[in-house]
Amino acid sequence: MVKTIKLIGILEYMDAIEEVMSVEEYIEKATEKGYKVGVERMPGDTMTTMKIYKETDYKKEER
């Protein structure tokens, strides 16, 4: 069976919340649970966008 990833959520992580938990800690916890994490940060932005993905088996959709 072929594996794919499916987007299950997007999290906007503000810089101010890093006092509670860093982006690295959040990513580590998510990946420990088997999720894939994409990280985007625009220069000068005050937040980091994390896209959370789940690995799934590919199933061909019927038309």
N, C-alpha and C. Protein backbone atom coordinates (compact mmCIF):
# COMPACT_ATOMS: atom_id res chain seq x y z
N MET A 1 0.85 -1.18 0.00
CA MET A 1 0.00 0.00 0.00
C MET A 1 0.90 1.24 0.00
N VAL A 2 0.47 2.23 -0.72
CA VAL A 2 1.21 3.48 -0.84
C VAL A 2 0.82 4.41 0.31
N LYS A 3 1.80 5.09 0.90
CA LYS A 3 1.56 6.03 2.00
C LYS A 3 1.49 7.46 1.46
N THR A 4 0.59 8.25 2.00
CA THR A 4 0.49 9.67 1.67
C THR A 4 0.34 10.44 2.98
N ILE A 5 0.35 11.77 2.91
CA ILE A 5 0.09 12.57 4.09
C ILE A 5 -1.16 13.40 3.85
N LYS A 6 -1.94 13.59 4.91
CA LYS A 6 -3.19 14.35 4.84
C LYS A 6 -3.11 15.49 5.84
N LEU A 7 -3.41 16.70 5.39
CA LEU A 7 -3.42 17.87 6.26
C LEU A 7 -4.59 17.74 7.24
N ILE A 8 -4.29 17.80 8.53
CA ILE A 8 -5.37 17.69 9.52
C ILE A 8 -5.57 18.98 10.31
N GLY A 9 -4.64 19.93 10.19
CA GLY A 9 -4.82 21.19 10.91
C GLY A 9 -3.70 22.17 10.69
N ILE A 10 -4.03 23.45 10.92
CA ILE A 10 -3.05 24.53 10.82
C ILE A 10 -3.07 25.29 12.14
N LEU A 11 -1.90 25.54 12.68
CA LEU A 11 -1.78 26.23 13.95
C LEU A 11 -0.93 27.48 13.76
N GLU A 12 -1.49 28.63 14.14
CA GLU A 12 -0.74 29.89 14.12
C GLU A 12 -0.16 30.07 15.53
N TYR A 13 1.15 30.01 15.67
CA TYR A 13 1.83 30.01 16.96
C TYR A 13 2.48 31.37 17.17
N MET A 14 1.91 32.17 18.06
CA MET A 14 2.41 33.51 18.34
C MET A 14 3.74 33.45 19.11
N ASP A 15 4.61 34.40 18.84
CA ASP A 15 5.91 34.47 19.54
C ASP A 15 5.73 34.57 21.05
N ALA A 16 4.70 35.31 21.50
CA ALA A 16 4.48 35.53 22.93
C ALA A 16 4.20 34.23 23.69
N ILE A 17 3.65 33.23 23.03
CA ILE A 17 3.30 31.97 23.71
C ILE A 17 4.54 31.10 23.93
N GLU A 18 5.66 31.46 23.30
CA GLU A 18 6.90 30.68 23.48
C GLU A 18 7.34 30.64 24.94
N GLU A 19 6.85 31.59 25.74
CA GLU A 19 7.15 31.59 27.17
C GLU A 19 6.60 30.31 27.83
N VAL A 20 5.49 29.81 27.31
CA VAL A 20 4.85 28.61 27.85
C VAL A 20 5.49 27.35 27.26
N MET A 21 5.59 27.31 25.92
CA MET A 21 6.17 26.16 25.23
C MET A 21 6.76 26.64 23.91
N SER A 22 7.99 26.28 23.62
CA SER A 22 8.63 26.71 22.37
C SER A 22 8.07 25.95 21.18
N VAL A 23 8.27 26.52 20.01
CA VAL A 23 7.85 25.86 18.77
C VAL A 23 8.53 24.49 18.68
N GLU A 24 9.80 24.43 19.03
CA GLU A 24 10.54 23.17 18.97
C GLU A 24 9.92 22.10 19.86
N GLU A 25 9.49 22.50 21.08
CA GLU A 25 8.85 21.54 21.99
C GLU A 25 7.53 21.04 21.41
N TYR A 26 6.75 21.94 20.81
CA TYR A 26 5.48 21.55 20.21
C TYR A 26 5.71 20.56 19.07
N ILE A 27 6.68 20.88 18.21
CA ILE A 27 6.99 19.99 17.09
C ILE A 27 7.45 18.63 17.59
N GLU A 28 8.30 18.63 18.62
CA GLU A 28 8.79 17.37 19.19
C GLU A 28 7.63 16.51 19.71
N LYS A 29 6.70 17.13 20.43
CA LYS A 29 5.56 16.38 20.97
C LYS A 29 4.68 15.83 19.85
N ALA A 30 4.44 16.63 18.80
CA ALA A 30 3.61 16.18 17.68
C ALA A 30 4.28 15.03 16.92
N THR A 31 5.58 15.14 16.67
CA THR A 31 6.27 14.08 15.93
C THR A 31 6.41 12.81 16.76
N GLU A 32 6.51 12.93 18.07
CA GLU A 32 6.54 11.75 18.95
C GLU A 32 5.25 10.95 18.82
N LYS A 33 4.15 11.64 18.53
CA LYS A 33 2.85 10.98 18.37
C LYS A 33 2.62 10.48 16.95
N GLY A 34 3.63 10.66 16.08
CA GLY A 34 3.55 10.13 14.72
C GLY A 34 3.08 11.12 13.67
N TYR A 35 2.88 12.36 14.03
CA TYR A 35 2.44 13.36 13.05
C TYR A 35 3.64 13.98 12.35
N LYS A 36 3.41 14.50 11.16
CA LYS A 36 4.41 15.25 10.40
C LYS A 36 4.07 16.72 10.56
N VAL A 37 5.09 17.58 10.65
CA VAL A 37 4.85 19.00 10.88
C VAL A 37 5.62 19.82 9.85
N GLY A 38 4.89 20.70 9.15
CA GLY A 38 5.50 21.67 8.24
C GLY A 38 5.53 23.01 8.94
N VAL A 39 6.64 23.73 8.85
CA VAL A 39 6.79 25.00 9.56
C VAL A 39 7.07 26.11 8.56
N GLU A 40 6.32 27.22 8.68
CA GLU A 40 6.54 28.39 7.83
C GLU A 40 6.66 29.62 8.71
N ARG A 41 7.63 30.46 8.38
CA ARG A 41 7.78 31.72 9.12
C ARG A 41 8.20 32.79 8.13
N MET A 42 7.39 33.82 8.02
CA MET A 42 7.68 34.93 7.12
C MET A 42 8.60 35.91 7.84
N PRO A 43 9.59 36.47 7.14
CA PRO A 43 10.48 37.45 7.77
C PRO A 43 9.69 38.63 8.36
N GLY A 44 9.99 38.99 9.59
CA GLY A 44 9.34 40.11 10.26
C GLY A 44 7.99 39.77 10.87
N ASP A 45 7.52 38.54 10.70
CA ASP A 45 6.22 38.15 11.25
C ASP A 45 6.36 37.83 12.74
N THR A 46 5.26 37.96 13.50
CA THR A 46 5.28 37.68 14.93
C THR A 46 4.72 36.31 15.25
N MET A 47 4.50 35.49 14.22
CA MET A 47 4.00 34.15 14.48
C MET A 47 4.60 33.14 13.51
N THR A 48 4.54 31.90 13.93
CA THR A 48 5.00 30.78 13.13
C THR A 48 3.77 29.95 12.76
N THR A 49 3.66 29.58 11.49
CA THR A 49 2.55 28.74 11.04
C THR A 49 3.03 27.30 10.99
N MET A 50 2.30 26.42 11.68
CA MET A 50 2.61 25.00 11.66
C MET A 50 1.45 24.25 11.01
N LYS A 51 1.78 23.43 10.03
CA LYS A 51 0.78 22.59 9.38
C LYS A 51 1.01 21.17 9.86
N ILE A 52 -0.04 20.56 10.40
CA ILE A 52 0.05 19.23 10.98
C ILE A 52 -0.52 18.22 9.98
N TYR A 53 0.27 17.18 9.70
CA TYR A 53 -0.13 16.16 8.74
C TYR A 53 -0.16 14.79 9.41
N LYS A 54 -1.03 13.93 8.88
CA LYS A 54 -1.14 12.56 9.36
C LYS A 54 -0.84 11.63 8.18
N GLU A 55 0.00 10.64 8.42
CA GLU A 55 0.32 9.68 7.37
C GLU A 55 -0.83 8.69 7.23
N THR A 56 -1.27 8.46 5.99
CA THR A 56 -2.39 7.54 5.74
C THR A 56 -2.06 6.65 4.55
N ASP A 57 -2.81 5.58 4.44
CA ASP A 57 -2.72 4.71 3.26
C ASP A 57 -3.50 5.36 2.12
N TYR A 58 -2.94 5.36 0.92
CA TYR A 58 -3.60 5.96 -0.23
C TYR A 58 -4.75 5.07 -0.67
N LYS A 59 -5.90 5.70 -0.86
CA LYS A 59 -7.07 4.98 -1.40
C LYS A 59 -7.56 5.74 -2.60
N LYS A 60 -7.66 5.06 -3.73
CA LYS A 60 -8.12 5.69 -4.96
C LYS A 60 -9.61 6.01 -4.81
N GLU A 61 -9.94 7.27 -5.07
CA GLU A 61 -11.34 7.67 -4.97
C GLU A 61 -12.08 7.25 -6.23
N GLU A 62 -13.30 6.77 -6.04
CA GLU A 62 -14.12 6.37 -7.18
C GLU A 62 -14.75 7.61 -7.78
N ARG A 63 -14.87 7.59 -9.11
CA ARG A 63 -15.44 8.75 -9.80
C ARG A 63 -16.87 8.52 -10.17
